[in-house]
Amino acid sequence: MKPGSNFINRLRPLGMLTAFVSWIVLNVEGARAAPIRLTIQAKGTNQVELTFSPVVPECFYQVLARTNGPTGHWIPFTGGFIGGSNKTVTATRDLGGPGLPRGLTVATLGHWNFVAGYWGDSDDDQLPDLYEDLVTRTDPYSGDDGYGDPDGDNWNNLQEMQNHTDPLRADLPPEAQVTQAYMSITNTNRIDKMTLTVHNPGGRLPDYFVLARADRTLRPQSNAPPSRPPPGQPGGGPLANRRPRPERPVGWPFSIPREDQMITGPFRVIGRIITSPDVQDYTYVETNVDWLMRPVFRARAHFALQPRGSLRQLDEAAIRQTLLSVKAVPTTNGYNLSVINPLPYGRYLLLERDRNVPQWRASGYFTVGTNSDPVPLHTDFKGMMREGQSPISLPEVKFLADADQPEFTAGWGEDSDGDGLPDIYEVLVTKTDPTNADTGNTGVLDGYKEMAGDGWSNLEKFRRRVDPLKQAPPPAPVVLTQPIMWEVHRAMDPRSNLRYEPQMQIRVAGTAKFQPIHQAWWTLYQMSDPHDPQHVRGNFDLRIFWTIPGPHPRQSVGGP
């Protein structure tokens, strides 16, 4: 068994609570929690015991499970946990229940990886940060990724998370909506025409719709009453041989489901509707319909799902062989690239380095088409892709210098072991095993290892184009003497691609030491002139410094 763990960075928002200076001199908690280490042990024949720590009190946590094969993906393993005051969570969970990963048993426990992490949603896109880190591989701190559909199968990321499916691997699309309406009756045999309306739920356009019909007939009556004697005979008469009415239980008729009086036959194909761009509703007229028997119709959208390239052998040597030659030509707004001889349907990561930054750093993802023709790409002067990334988009970075004599290459962009890092990035940059989520069995996924010892994970540095093997010191503190609000706003920008969390300390007139404050913006507003906060200087000094953010209680996804 390979236990997993993680450390998720979080931003603590600046709220607004108190308006009195006497309330604001408080102690600030530690800004960063230690990496979470998760252990899972078999208990009995159908249970496991989970233990992970440290956790932050009142924070919501989740445990994900993933098969350790290249086609696996992370799915929730439990219903979540609330961090307690002892900073450790211990719980026992059954295996094989509804909603749990299929095939996960005590006997197969060693073929699965597990990870525990903070289940908050920093960018309010309804996807937990841990899910964005490891499953959708999007930026958990910005963007509206909940309704994205990177694999083009008409299931958005939120639906894929709810269905426990892989948002980067196409699944069968949702069924189309069919409504039916009868036309006027044309004869006494109840034979008529029916107009069907097929509504495409949106997203990717299907190749066509297949219509099917199931006829319905009356259900034969069981326990039929015997024939009634003729009038004049004993027991005869109009009410003779009537079956006694059964005693109605309490709650009747709602407590007893009524038996369907109709029998629905098998579906058979009756036609096909060819789709057109920008058309959502299609009509189809079916004749020879018995409107009283109410046949059932359904439509299934047919999609030619795009194949996905794969490697026959998955190891470091095979991944190195996916490196491609890239030709770069300077233009007026960046560089035009041509990627030579890619694998059809492969997913690649473009990397860049230059004379000033010799370490490879990610530029963007791209997907190859049906053949091995050269793939045209474009980057800005920093060597970063801004448009055309597929199926994953890296966040934009603002504080990079223009590339000096850049060099480009491209390699396998899949995350075969599920640690959050692309395979080629592990081979060229972090030097970790792309087929093992936890290189060295340290208890921490490779994406969450802090190889430079500065508190930043490999995954966050990968996203922000920072060298994971070098320390990234925080910006120098700033001291503002009797500042106006505009000066505070300007000083709050650390000008770093890494997401540092600002901390403020205040020194009120007549005191000698800086003291930490909570609810900084509201506090500063109250201590400034509320009628002219942009020009009147406050009677205090302010010190701003930056720390690495950590988990904190706030609104959670799927939890309290």
Protein backbone atom coordinates (compact mmCIF):
# COMPACT_ATOMS: atom_id res chain seq x y z
CA MET A 1 0.00 0.00 0.00
CA LYS A 2 1.25 3.45 -0.88
CA PRO A 3 -0.08 6.10 1.47
CA GLY A 4 -0.53 9.58 0.02
CA SER A 5 -0.61 13.00 1.56
CA ASN A 6 -0.63 16.59 0.56
CA PHE A 7 -0.21 20.16 1.58
CA ILE A 8 -2.64 22.59 0.02
CA ASN A 9 -1.92 26.33 0.08
CA ARG A 10 -4.83 28.59 0.83
CA LEU A 11 -5.51 32.31 0.92
CA ARG A 12 -7.08 33.80 4.02
CA PRO A 13 -9.50 36.54 2.89
CA LEU A 14 -9.50 39.92 4.59
CA GLY A 15 -12.93 40.27 6.15
CA MET A 16 -14.65 43.10 7.97
CA LEU A 17 -15.74 42.72 11.59
CA THR A 18 -14.71 45.25 14.20
CA ALA A 19 -14.58 49.02 14.06
CA PHE A 20 -12.78 49.75 17.30
CA VAL A 21 -9.01 49.98 17.59
CA SER A 22 -9.08 48.35 21.00
CA TRP A 23 -10.38 45.16 19.40
CA ILE A 24 -7.84 44.77 16.67
CA VAL A 25 -4.58 43.99 18.52
CA LEU A 26 -4.67 40.19 18.25
CA ASN A 27 -2.32 37.30 17.78
CA VAL A 28 -1.92 35.92 14.25
CA GLU A 29 -1.89 32.15 13.90
CA GLY A 30 0.80 30.35 11.98
CA ALA A 31 0.37 31.06 8.29
CA ARG A 32 1.20 27.60 6.98
CA ALA A 33 0.30 24.11 8.08
CA ALA A 34 2.73 21.20 7.82
CA PRO A 35 2.20 18.69 4.98
CA ILE A 36 -0.60 16.22 5.65
CA ARG A 37 0.50 12.61 6.00
CA LEU A 38 -2.11 9.94 5.48
CA THR A 39 -1.87 6.27 6.49
CA ILE A 40 -4.44 3.61 5.65
CA GLN A 41 -4.45 0.18 7.29
CA ALA A 42 -6.70 -2.81 6.72
CA LYS A 43 -9.01 -3.57 9.60
CA GLY A 44 -10.91 -6.83 9.52
CA THR A 45 -12.16 -8.22 6.22
CA ASN A 46 -14.02 -5.21 4.82
CA GLN A 47 -12.81 -2.08 6.59
CA VAL A 48 -9.86 0.29 6.61
CA GLU A 49 -8.65 2.73 9.24
CA LEU A 50 -7.58 6.19 8.04
CA THR A 51 -5.30 8.47 10.02
CA PHE A 52 -4.01 11.79 8.78
CA SER A 53 -2.49 14.87 10.39
CA PRO A 54 -1.93 17.69 10.99
CA VAL A 55 -5.29 19.30 10.31
CA VAL A 56 -6.67 22.74 11.13
CA PRO A 57 -9.69 22.82 13.46
CA GLU A 58 -13.04 23.42 11.76
CA CYS A 59 -11.58 22.90 8.28
CA PHE A 60 -13.23 20.40 5.97
CA TYR A 61 -11.02 17.60 4.60
CA GLN A 62 -11.49 14.85 2.04
CA VAL A 63 -9.72 11.60 1.16
CA LEU A 64 -9.37 10.64 -2.51
CA ALA A 65 -8.49 7.23 -3.94
CA ARG A 66 -6.93 6.31 -7.30
CA THR A 67 -5.76 3.11 -8.92
CA ASN A 68 -2.03 3.31 -9.51
CA GLY A 69 -2.37 2.60 -13.25
CA PRO A 70 -1.99 5.24 -15.99
CA THR A 71 -5.75 5.28 -16.72
CA GLY A 72 -6.81 5.85 -13.11
CA HIS A 73 -8.21 9.10 -11.75
CA TRP A 74 -8.89 10.43 -8.27
CA ILE A 75 -12.40 10.01 -6.84
CA PRO A 76 -13.74 10.70 -3.33
CA PHE A 77 -13.24 7.79 -0.98
CA THR A 78 -15.18 9.11 2.02
CA GLY A 79 -17.83 11.66 2.86
CA GLY A 80 -15.32 14.07 4.33
CA PHE A 81 -14.02 15.03 7.76
CA ILE A 82 -13.95 18.08 10.01
CA GLY A 83 -10.59 18.90 11.57
CA GLY A 84 -10.57 18.65 15.36
CA SER A 85 -8.62 20.41 18.06
CA ASN A 86 -6.11 17.56 18.38
CA LYS A 87 -4.98 18.15 14.75
CA THR A 88 -5.40 14.46 13.91
CA VAL A 89 -8.25 12.67 12.14
CA THR A 90 -8.79 8.94 12.71
CA ALA A 91 -11.76 7.10 11.26
CA THR A 92 -12.86 3.65 10.10
CA ARG A 93 -14.61 3.19 6.76
CA ASP A 94 -16.27 0.23 5.04
CA LEU A 95 -15.24 -0.87 1.56
CA GLY A 96 -17.42 -1.73 -1.39
CA GLY A 97 -20.45 0.40 -0.54
CA PRO A 98 -22.46 2.53 -3.00
CA GLY A 99 -20.57 5.58 -4.21
CA LEU A 100 -17.18 4.12 -3.26
CA PRO A 101 -14.45 3.16 -5.77
CA ARG A 102 -15.20 -0.11 -7.50
CA GLY A 103 -12.71 -2.90 -7.06
CA LEU A 104 -11.29 -1.46 -3.84
CA THR A 105 -11.11 -4.26 -1.30
CA VAL A 106 -8.76 -5.27 1.49
CA ALA A 107 -7.09 -7.69 -0.93
CA THR A 108 -6.50 -4.99 -3.60
CA LEU A 109 -5.52 -2.21 -1.21
CA GLY A 110 -1.91 -2.26 -2.40
CA HIS A 111 -2.98 -1.36 -5.97
CA TRP A 112 -4.45 1.97 -4.88
CA ASN A 113 -3.05 5.36 -3.92
CA PHE A 114 -4.69 7.69 -1.42
CA VAL A 115 -4.40 11.37 -0.60
CA ALA A 116 -5.94 13.58 2.08
CA GLY A 117 -6.35 17.30 1.62
CA TYR A 118 -8.25 20.44 2.44
CA TRP A 119 -11.59 20.46 0.59
CA GLY A 120 -12.12 24.23 0.30
CA ASP A 121 -12.88 26.28 -2.80
CA SER A 122 -10.62 29.33 -3.04
CA ASP A 123 -11.95 30.67 -6.35
CA ASP A 124 -15.65 29.88 -5.73
CA ASP A 125 -16.06 27.87 -8.94
CA GLN A 126 -17.70 24.99 -7.00
CA LEU A 127 -14.67 22.72 -7.52
CA PRO A 128 -12.59 21.98 -4.40
CA ASP A 129 -8.97 23.02 -4.64
CA LEU A 130 -7.75 19.46 -4.09
CA TYR A 131 -9.95 18.30 -6.99
CA GLU A 132 -8.58 21.03 -9.27
CA ASP A 133 -5.00 20.18 -8.27
CA LEU A 134 -5.17 16.48 -9.07
CA VAL A 135 -8.19 15.83 -11.33
CA THR A 136 -9.08 18.77 -13.58
CA ARG A 137 -5.49 20.09 -13.23
CA THR A 138 -6.72 23.68 -13.28
CA ASP A 139 -5.75 26.68 -11.18
CA PRO A 140 -7.59 26.37 -7.84
CA TYR A 141 -7.16 30.08 -7.09
CA SER A 142 -8.71 31.69 -10.16
CA GLY A 143 -11.03 30.97 -13.05
CA ASP A 144 -14.53 29.56 -13.45
CA ASP A 145 -13.69 25.92 -14.07
CA GLY A 146 -16.82 24.24 -12.70
CA TYR A 147 -18.68 24.43 -16.00
CA GLY A 148 -15.71 23.69 -18.22
CA ASP A 149 -15.78 20.60 -20.46
CA PRO A 150 -12.17 19.90 -21.46
CA ASP A 151 -12.85 16.42 -22.88
CA GLY A 152 -15.83 17.59 -24.98
CA ASP A 153 -18.28 14.88 -23.90
CA ASN A 154 -21.09 17.27 -22.80
CA TRP A 155 -20.47 16.53 -19.11
CA ASN A 156 -19.04 19.58 -17.37
CA ASN A 157 -16.46 19.31 -14.59
CA LEU A 158 -19.08 19.56 -11.85
CA GLN A 159 -21.08 16.70 -13.35
CA GLU A 160 -17.93 14.62 -13.82
CA MET A 161 -17.07 15.13 -10.14
CA GLN A 162 -20.58 14.08 -9.10
CA ASN A 163 -20.51 11.06 -11.44
CA HIS A 164 -16.98 10.02 -10.33
CA THR A 165 -15.81 10.11 -13.97
CA ASP A 166 -12.58 11.48 -15.41
CA PRO A 167 -13.08 15.06 -16.70
CA LEU A 168 -10.09 14.64 -19.04
CA ARG A 169 -11.31 11.41 -20.67
CA ALA A 170 -14.47 11.49 -22.79
CA ASP A 171 -17.50 9.49 -21.58
CA LEU A 172 -20.83 8.76 -23.19
CA PRO A 173 -22.71 12.08 -23.35
CA PRO A 174 -26.01 12.67 -21.50
CA GLU A 175 -29.18 11.56 -23.23
CA ALA A 176 -31.07 14.07 -25.34
CA GLN A 177 -34.45 15.34 -24.17
CA VAL A 178 -37.47 14.11 -26.16
CA THR A 179 -40.94 15.62 -26.05
CA GLN A 180 -43.89 14.23 -28.01
CA ALA A 181 -47.14 15.76 -29.21
CA TYR A 182 -50.08 14.06 -31.00
CA MET A 183 -51.69 15.53 -34.06
CA SER A 184 -55.47 15.47 -34.68
CA ILE A 185 -57.15 12.06 -34.75
CA THR A 186 -57.78 10.93 -38.31
CA ASN A 187 -59.89 7.79 -37.83
CA THR A 188 -61.74 5.73 -35.28
CA ASN A 189 -58.99 3.12 -34.91
CA ARG A 190 -56.92 5.51 -32.81
CA ILE A 191 -54.15 5.51 -35.45
CA ASP A 192 -52.51 8.88 -35.71
CA LYS A 193 -49.28 10.81 -36.27
CA MET A 194 -46.92 12.01 -33.60
CA THR A 195 -44.43 14.88 -33.75
CA LEU A 196 -41.27 14.35 -31.73
CA THR A 197 -39.05 17.23 -30.64
CA VAL A 198 -35.46 16.33 -29.80
CA HIS A 199 -33.53 18.88 -27.72
CA ASN A 200 -29.76 18.80 -27.74
CA PRO A 201 -28.58 19.56 -24.17
CA GLY A 202 -25.79 21.73 -25.53
CA GLY A 203 -22.04 21.55 -25.59
CA ARG A 204 -20.41 19.49 -28.31
CA LEU A 205 -22.54 18.90 -31.42
CA PRO A 206 -23.48 15.21 -31.91
CA ASP A 207 -22.90 13.57 -35.27
CA TYR A 208 -26.57 12.52 -35.32
CA PHE A 209 -29.43 11.37 -33.11
CA VAL A 210 -30.75 7.80 -33.19
CA LEU A 211 -34.49 7.60 -32.47
CA ALA A 212 -36.01 4.47 -30.93
CA ARG A 213 -39.59 3.49 -30.09
CA ALA A 214 -41.07 1.03 -27.59
CA ASP A 215 -44.74 0.05 -28.04
CA ARG A 216 -47.04 -0.44 -25.06
CA THR A 217 -49.93 -2.88 -24.57
CA LEU A 218 -52.47 -3.45 -21.83
CA ARG A 219 -51.33 -5.71 -19.02
CA PRO A 220 -53.46 -8.97 -18.86
CA GLN A 221 -55.71 -9.06 -15.84
CA SER A 222 -54.70 -11.58 -13.20
CA ASN A 223 -57.19 -13.43 -10.93
CA ALA A 224 -60.11 -12.68 -13.24
CA PRO A 225 -63.54 -13.08 -11.55
CA PRO A 226 -65.64 -16.09 -12.55
CA SER A 227 -68.48 -15.62 -14.99
CA ARG A 228 -71.63 -14.16 -13.46
CA PRO A 229 -74.72 -16.46 -13.24
CA PRO A 230 -77.66 -15.31 -15.32
CA PRO A 231 -80.36 -13.24 -13.65
CA GLY A 232 -82.89 -15.29 -11.74
CA GLN A 233 -80.39 -17.91 -10.63
CA PRO A 234 -78.97 -18.01 -7.07
CA GLY A 235 -76.28 -15.44 -6.81
CA GLY A 236 -77.32 -13.91 -10.06
CA GLY A 237 -78.03 -10.29 -10.73
CA PRO A 238 -76.02 -7.29 -11.79
CA LEU A 239 -73.87 -7.25 -8.60
CA ALA A 240 -73.20 -10.97 -8.44
CA ASN A 241 -69.65 -12.36 -8.21
CA ARG A 242 -68.17 -8.94 -7.65
CA ARG A 243 -64.78 -9.29 -5.99
CA PRO A 244 -64.75 -7.94 -2.47
CA ARG A 245 -62.96 -4.65 -2.04
CA PRO A 246 -59.70 -5.20 -0.15
CA GLU A 247 -59.22 -3.45 3.12
CA ARG A 248 -57.39 -0.17 2.55
CA PRO A 249 -54.34 0.30 4.74
CA VAL A 250 -53.50 3.50 6.53
CA GLY A 251 -52.10 6.07 4.14
CA TRP A 252 -53.88 4.65 1.10
CA PRO A 253 -53.56 5.42 -1.82
CA PHE A 254 -50.13 7.00 -1.34
CA SER A 255 -48.63 4.13 0.65
CA ILE A 256 -49.10 1.51 -2.09
CA PRO A 257 -47.49 1.98 -5.52
CA ARG A 258 -49.98 1.39 -8.26
CA GLU A 259 -49.20 -1.33 -10.75
CA ASP A 260 -48.50 -0.05 -14.24
CA GLN A 261 -51.45 -1.04 -16.37
CA MET A 262 -49.28 -1.10 -19.48
CA ILE A 263 -46.44 -3.36 -20.63
CA THR A 264 -43.56 -1.62 -22.42
CA GLY A 265 -41.92 -3.62 -25.15
CA PRO A 266 -38.29 -3.45 -26.35
CA PHE A 267 -36.97 -0.36 -28.11
CA ARG A 268 -36.44 -0.53 -31.86
CA VAL A 269 -34.75 2.05 -34.08
CA ILE A 270 -37.19 4.08 -36.16
CA GLY A 271 -34.98 6.78 -37.66
CA ARG A 272 -32.00 9.06 -37.53
CA ILE A 273 -31.73 12.85 -37.30
CA ILE A 274 -28.68 14.51 -38.81
CA THR A 275 -27.54 17.49 -36.74
CA SER A 276 -26.62 20.97 -37.92
CA PRO A 277 -24.46 23.66 -36.29
CA ASP A 278 -26.27 26.23 -34.14
CA VAL A 279 -29.46 24.10 -34.03
CA GLN A 280 -30.63 22.73 -30.67
CA ASP A 281 -34.20 21.51 -31.41
CA TYR A 282 -35.04 18.95 -34.08
CA THR A 283 -38.45 17.53 -35.10
CA TYR A 284 -39.40 14.09 -36.38
CA VAL A 285 -42.86 12.89 -37.41
CA GLU A 286 -43.78 9.28 -36.64
CA THR A 287 -46.87 7.72 -38.31
CA ASN A 288 -48.94 4.69 -37.37
CA VAL A 289 -49.11 5.63 -33.70
CA ASP A 290 -51.81 4.40 -31.34
CA TRP A 291 -52.30 7.51 -29.25
CA LEU A 292 -54.25 5.64 -26.57
CA MET A 293 -51.48 3.07 -25.94
CA ARG A 294 -48.90 5.84 -25.51
CA PRO A 295 -45.68 4.41 -27.05
CA VAL A 296 -42.37 5.55 -25.55
CA PHE A 297 -39.70 7.30 -27.60
CA ARG A 298 -36.10 8.09 -26.83
CA ALA A 299 -33.17 9.66 -28.65
CA ARG A 300 -29.50 8.91 -28.19
CA ALA A 301 -26.81 11.27 -29.40
CA HIS A 302 -24.01 9.63 -31.36
CA PHE A 303 -20.55 11.10 -30.85
CA ALA A 304 -17.36 10.12 -32.61
CA LEU A 305 -15.24 10.53 -29.49
CA GLN A 306 -11.70 11.59 -30.25
CA PRO A 307 -9.13 8.88 -29.52
CA ARG A 308 -6.46 9.58 -26.91
CA GLY A 309 -2.83 8.81 -27.59
CA SER A 310 -0.96 6.50 -25.26
CA LEU A 311 2.50 5.04 -24.85
CA ARG A 312 3.08 1.31 -25.29
CA GLN A 313 5.62 1.34 -22.49
CA LEU A 314 5.51 3.77 -19.58
CA ASP A 315 8.83 4.51 -17.91
CA GLU A 316 11.39 7.29 -17.80
CA ALA A 317 13.16 6.13 -20.97
CA ALA A 318 9.91 5.96 -22.95
CA ILE A 319 8.87 9.42 -21.74
CA ARG A 320 12.23 10.89 -22.75
CA GLN A 321 11.67 9.48 -26.22
CA THR A 322 8.53 11.65 -26.54
CA LEU A 323 10.65 14.83 -26.57
CA LEU A 324 10.04 16.70 -29.83
CA SER A 325 12.03 19.20 -31.81
CA VAL A 326 10.46 22.67 -31.87
CA LYS A 327 11.39 25.37 -34.37
CA ALA A 328 10.90 28.98 -33.21
CA VAL A 329 10.63 32.09 -35.41
CA PRO A 330 10.45 35.57 -33.80
CA THR A 331 7.47 37.71 -34.77
CA THR A 332 6.21 41.17 -33.86
CA ASN A 333 4.26 39.82 -30.85
CA GLY A 334 6.24 36.76 -29.74
CA TYR A 335 7.33 33.51 -31.36
CA ASN A 336 5.73 31.26 -33.95
CA LEU A 337 6.54 27.62 -33.21
CA SER A 338 6.39 24.42 -35.24
CA VAL A 339 6.41 21.13 -33.31
CA ILE A 340 7.90 18.37 -35.43
CA ASN A 341 6.62 14.75 -35.69
CA PRO A 342 4.18 14.48 -32.75
CA LEU A 343 2.23 11.35 -31.81
CA PRO A 344 -1.35 11.48 -33.22
CA TYR A 345 -3.92 12.34 -30.55
CA GLY A 346 -1.13 12.81 -28.01
CA ARG A 347 -1.27 15.36 -25.21
CA TYR A 348 1.92 17.32 -24.83
CA LEU A 349 3.47 19.95 -22.59
CA LEU A 350 5.46 22.73 -24.23
CA LEU A 351 8.52 23.80 -22.21
CA GLU A 352 10.82 26.81 -22.51
CA ARG A 353 14.19 27.90 -21.16
CA ASP A 354 16.62 30.69 -22.06
CA ARG A 355 20.05 32.05 -21.32
CA ASN A 356 18.94 33.74 -18.09
CA VAL A 357 16.76 30.86 -16.80
CA PRO A 358 18.41 27.54 -17.78
CA GLN A 359 15.80 25.39 -15.99
CA TRP A 360 12.91 24.14 -18.14
CA ARG A 361 9.57 25.71 -17.22
CA ALA A 362 6.07 24.98 -18.49
CA SER A 363 4.71 27.11 -21.32
CA GLY A 364 1.37 25.41 -22.05
CA TYR A 365 -0.47 22.23 -23.05
CA PHE A 366 -1.53 21.26 -26.56
CA THR A 367 -3.27 18.26 -28.16
CA VAL A 368 -2.27 16.71 -31.51
CA GLY A 369 -4.78 15.92 -34.24
CA THR A 370 -5.26 12.87 -36.42
CA ASN A 371 -1.76 12.73 -37.93
CA SER A 372 1.91 13.54 -37.27
CA ASP A 373 1.97 16.77 -39.25
CA PRO A 374 3.84 19.68 -37.59
CA VAL A 375 1.74 21.47 -34.98
CA PRO A 376 1.78 25.30 -35.17
CA LEU A 377 1.85 27.15 -31.82
CA HIS A 378 2.40 30.71 -30.68
CA THR A 379 3.94 32.17 -27.51
CA ASP A 380 4.50 35.68 -26.22
CA PHE A 381 7.94 37.22 -25.69
CA LYS A 382 8.17 35.43 -22.34
CA GLY A 383 7.85 32.09 -24.13
CA MET A 384 4.44 31.40 -22.61
CA MET A 385 1.38 30.14 -24.51
CA ARG A 386 -1.61 32.45 -24.06
CA GLU A 387 -4.14 30.90 -26.44
CA GLY A 388 -4.88 27.49 -27.89
CA GLN A 389 -4.04 25.42 -24.81
CA SER A 390 -5.78 22.04 -24.75
CA PRO A 391 -7.19 20.20 -22.90
CA ILE A 392 -5.68 21.95 -19.85
CA SER A 393 -4.82 25.64 -19.57
CA LEU A 394 -2.04 26.90 -17.33
CA PRO A 395 -2.71 30.18 -15.49
CA GLU A 396 -1.24 33.38 -16.84
CA VAL A 397 1.93 34.65 -15.18
CA LYS A 398 2.56 38.41 -15.13
CA PHE A 399 5.94 38.83 -13.51
CA LEU A 400 8.27 37.06 -15.92
CA ALA A 401 11.03 38.77 -17.85
CA ASP A 402 11.11 38.44 -21.61
CA ALA A 403 12.98 35.36 -22.75
CA ASP A 404 16.58 35.88 -23.89
CA GLN A 405 17.41 33.54 -26.78
CA PRO A 406 14.67 31.04 -25.82
CA GLU A 407 14.80 27.33 -26.51
CA PHE A 408 11.67 25.20 -26.76
CA THR A 409 10.85 21.50 -26.54
CA ALA A 410 7.70 19.43 -26.03
CA GLY A 411 7.13 16.14 -24.23
CA TRP A 412 4.49 13.84 -22.82
CA GLY A 413 1.96 15.95 -20.91
CA GLU A 414 -0.06 13.19 -19.23
CA ASP A 415 0.03 12.72 -15.46
CA SER A 416 0.33 8.94 -15.41
CA ASP A 417 0.73 8.54 -11.63
CA GLY A 418 -1.78 11.21 -10.57
CA ASP A 419 0.59 13.32 -8.46
CA GLY A 420 -0.40 16.54 -10.27
CA LEU A 421 2.84 16.86 -12.30
CA PRO A 422 3.09 16.07 -16.03
CA ASP A 423 5.30 13.11 -16.89
CA ILE A 424 7.85 15.09 -18.90
CA TYR A 425 8.14 17.70 -16.13
CA GLU A 426 8.99 15.00 -13.61
CA VAL A 427 11.65 13.59 -15.92
CA LEU A 428 13.30 16.89 -16.85
CA VAL A 429 12.76 19.14 -13.83
CA THR A 430 11.84 17.51 -10.50
CA LYS A 431 13.68 14.26 -11.36
CA THR A 432 10.91 12.25 -9.67
CA ASP A 433 9.45 8.96 -10.90
CA PRO A 434 6.59 9.66 -13.36
CA THR A 435 5.11 6.22 -12.68
CA ASN A 436 5.14 6.48 -8.86
CA ALA A 437 2.95 9.09 -7.17
CA ASP A 438 5.25 9.14 -4.12
CA THR A 439 8.86 8.80 -5.19
CA GLY A 440 10.86 7.38 -2.31
CA ASN A 441 7.72 6.42 -0.33
CA THR A 442 7.98 9.55 1.82
CA GLY A 443 4.25 9.76 2.52
CA VAL A 444 3.86 12.90 0.38
CA LEU A 445 2.77 12.97 -3.27
CA ASP A 446 5.47 14.26 -5.62
CA GLY A 447 3.30 17.23 -6.51
CA TYR A 448 3.16 18.30 -2.86
CA LYS A 449 6.80 17.71 -1.99
CA GLU A 450 8.74 20.86 -1.05
CA MET A 451 12.07 20.13 -2.69
CA ALA A 452 13.61 23.55 -1.96
CA GLY A 453 12.48 23.62 1.66
CA ASP A 454 10.85 27.04 1.30
CA GLY A 455 7.26 25.94 1.89
CA TRP A 456 6.17 25.97 -1.75
CA SER A 457 5.09 22.67 -3.29
CA ASN A 458 6.35 21.33 -6.62
CA LEU A 459 2.85 21.61 -8.01
CA GLU A 460 2.42 25.28 -7.14
CA LYS A 461 5.85 26.16 -8.50
CA PHE A 462 5.08 24.24 -11.68
CA ARG A 463 1.92 26.30 -12.18
CA ARG A 464 3.66 29.61 -11.42
CA ARG A 465 6.73 28.80 -13.62
CA VAL A 466 9.13 28.89 -10.67
CA ASP A 467 12.12 26.55 -10.37
CA PRO A 468 11.11 23.90 -7.79
CA LEU A 469 14.76 23.15 -6.97
CA LYS A 470 15.57 26.71 -5.85
CA GLN A 471 14.24 28.59 -2.87
CA ALA A 472 11.75 31.37 -3.55
CA PRO A 473 12.13 33.92 -0.73
CA PRO A 474 9.13 36.16 -0.02
CA PRO A 475 9.25 39.85 -1.01
CA ALA A 476 10.87 42.24 1.44
CA PRO A 477 8.56 43.79 4.07
CA VAL A 478 7.21 47.29 3.45
CA VAL A 479 6.83 49.95 6.17
CA LEU A 480 4.44 52.84 5.46
CA THR A 481 4.52 55.91 7.71
CA GLN A 482 1.09 57.47 8.24
CA PRO A 483 -0.17 56.02 4.93
CA ILE A 484 -3.21 56.93 2.92
CA MET A 485 -5.40 54.10 1.62
CA TRP A 486 -4.10 54.44 -1.93
CA GLU A 487 -0.55 53.81 -0.72
CA VAL A 488 -1.73 50.73 1.16
CA HIS A 489 -3.43 49.35 -1.93
CA ARG A 490 -0.32 49.84 -4.02
CA ALA A 491 1.96 48.27 -1.39
CA MET A 492 -0.26 45.18 -1.13
CA ASP A 493 0.95 43.92 -4.53
CA PRO A 494 4.01 41.71 -3.90
CA ARG A 495 4.76 41.52 -7.65
CA SER A 496 5.28 37.79 -7.53
CA ASN A 497 3.68 34.98 -9.51
CA LEU A 498 3.53 32.93 -6.30
CA ARG A 499 0.41 33.57 -4.26
CA TYR A 500 1.75 35.07 -1.06
CA GLU A 501 -0.66 36.03 1.69
CA PRO A 502 -0.27 39.56 3.10
CA GLN A 503 0.05 40.07 6.83
CA MET A 504 -0.27 43.49 8.45
CA GLN A 505 1.11 44.97 11.61
CA ILE A 506 0.16 48.38 12.94
CA ARG A 507 1.88 50.85 15.21
CA VAL A 508 -0.55 53.35 16.67
CA ALA A 509 0.68 56.82 17.59
CA GLY A 510 2.16 56.80 21.09
CA THR A 511 3.26 53.14 20.98
CA ALA A 512 6.69 51.69 20.22
CA LYS A 513 6.01 48.22 18.70
CA PHE A 514 4.14 46.93 15.70
CA GLN A 515 1.19 44.69 16.59
CA PRO A 516 -0.53 42.19 14.22
CA ILE A 517 -4.09 42.96 13.19
CA HIS A 518 -7.03 40.99 11.84
CA GLN A 519 -9.73 42.28 9.46
CA ALA A 520 -7.14 44.62 8.00
CA TRP A 521 -9.09 46.55 5.35
CA TRP A 522 -12.01 47.39 7.59
CA THR A 523 -9.66 48.31 10.39
CA LEU A 524 -7.61 50.64 8.20
CA TYR A 525 -10.74 52.25 6.85
CA GLN A 526 -11.99 52.95 10.35
CA MET A 527 -8.64 54.38 11.40
CA SER A 528 -8.50 56.64 8.36
CA ASP A 529 -10.80 59.52 7.54
CA PRO A 530 -13.95 57.80 6.19
CA HIS A 531 -14.89 60.96 4.28
CA ASP A 532 -11.60 61.25 2.39
CA PRO A 533 -9.64 57.97 2.68
CA GLN A 534 -7.53 58.72 -0.39
CA HIS A 535 -5.94 61.96 0.78
CA VAL A 536 -6.01 62.18 4.58
CA ARG A 537 -3.17 60.30 6.26
CA GLY A 538 -3.85 58.02 9.20
CA ASN A 539 -2.32 58.55 12.60
CA PHE A 540 -0.49 55.21 12.53
CA ASP A 541 2.34 53.36 10.81
CA LEU A 542 1.79 50.14 8.87
CA ARG A 543 4.11 47.20 8.22
CA ILE A 544 3.22 44.72 5.44
CA PHE A 545 4.96 41.37 4.99
CA TRP A 546 4.09 38.18 3.12
CA THR A 547 3.76 34.56 4.17
CA ILE A 548 2.83 31.29 2.50
CA PRO A 549 -0.92 30.77 2.99
CA GLY A 550 -2.36 27.70 4.65
CA PRO A 551 -5.78 26.06 5.20
CA HIS A 552 -8.36 28.06 7.12
CA PRO A 553 -12.02 27.59 7.97
CA ARG A 554 -14.33 29.01 5.35
CA GLN A 555 -17.17 27.89 3.09
CA SER A 556 -16.47 24.36 1.87
CA VAL A 557 -17.61 22.35 -1.12
CA GLY A 558 -19.67 19.30 -0.25
CA GLY A 559 -19.36 19.91 3.48
CA PRO A 560 -20.57 22.21 6.25
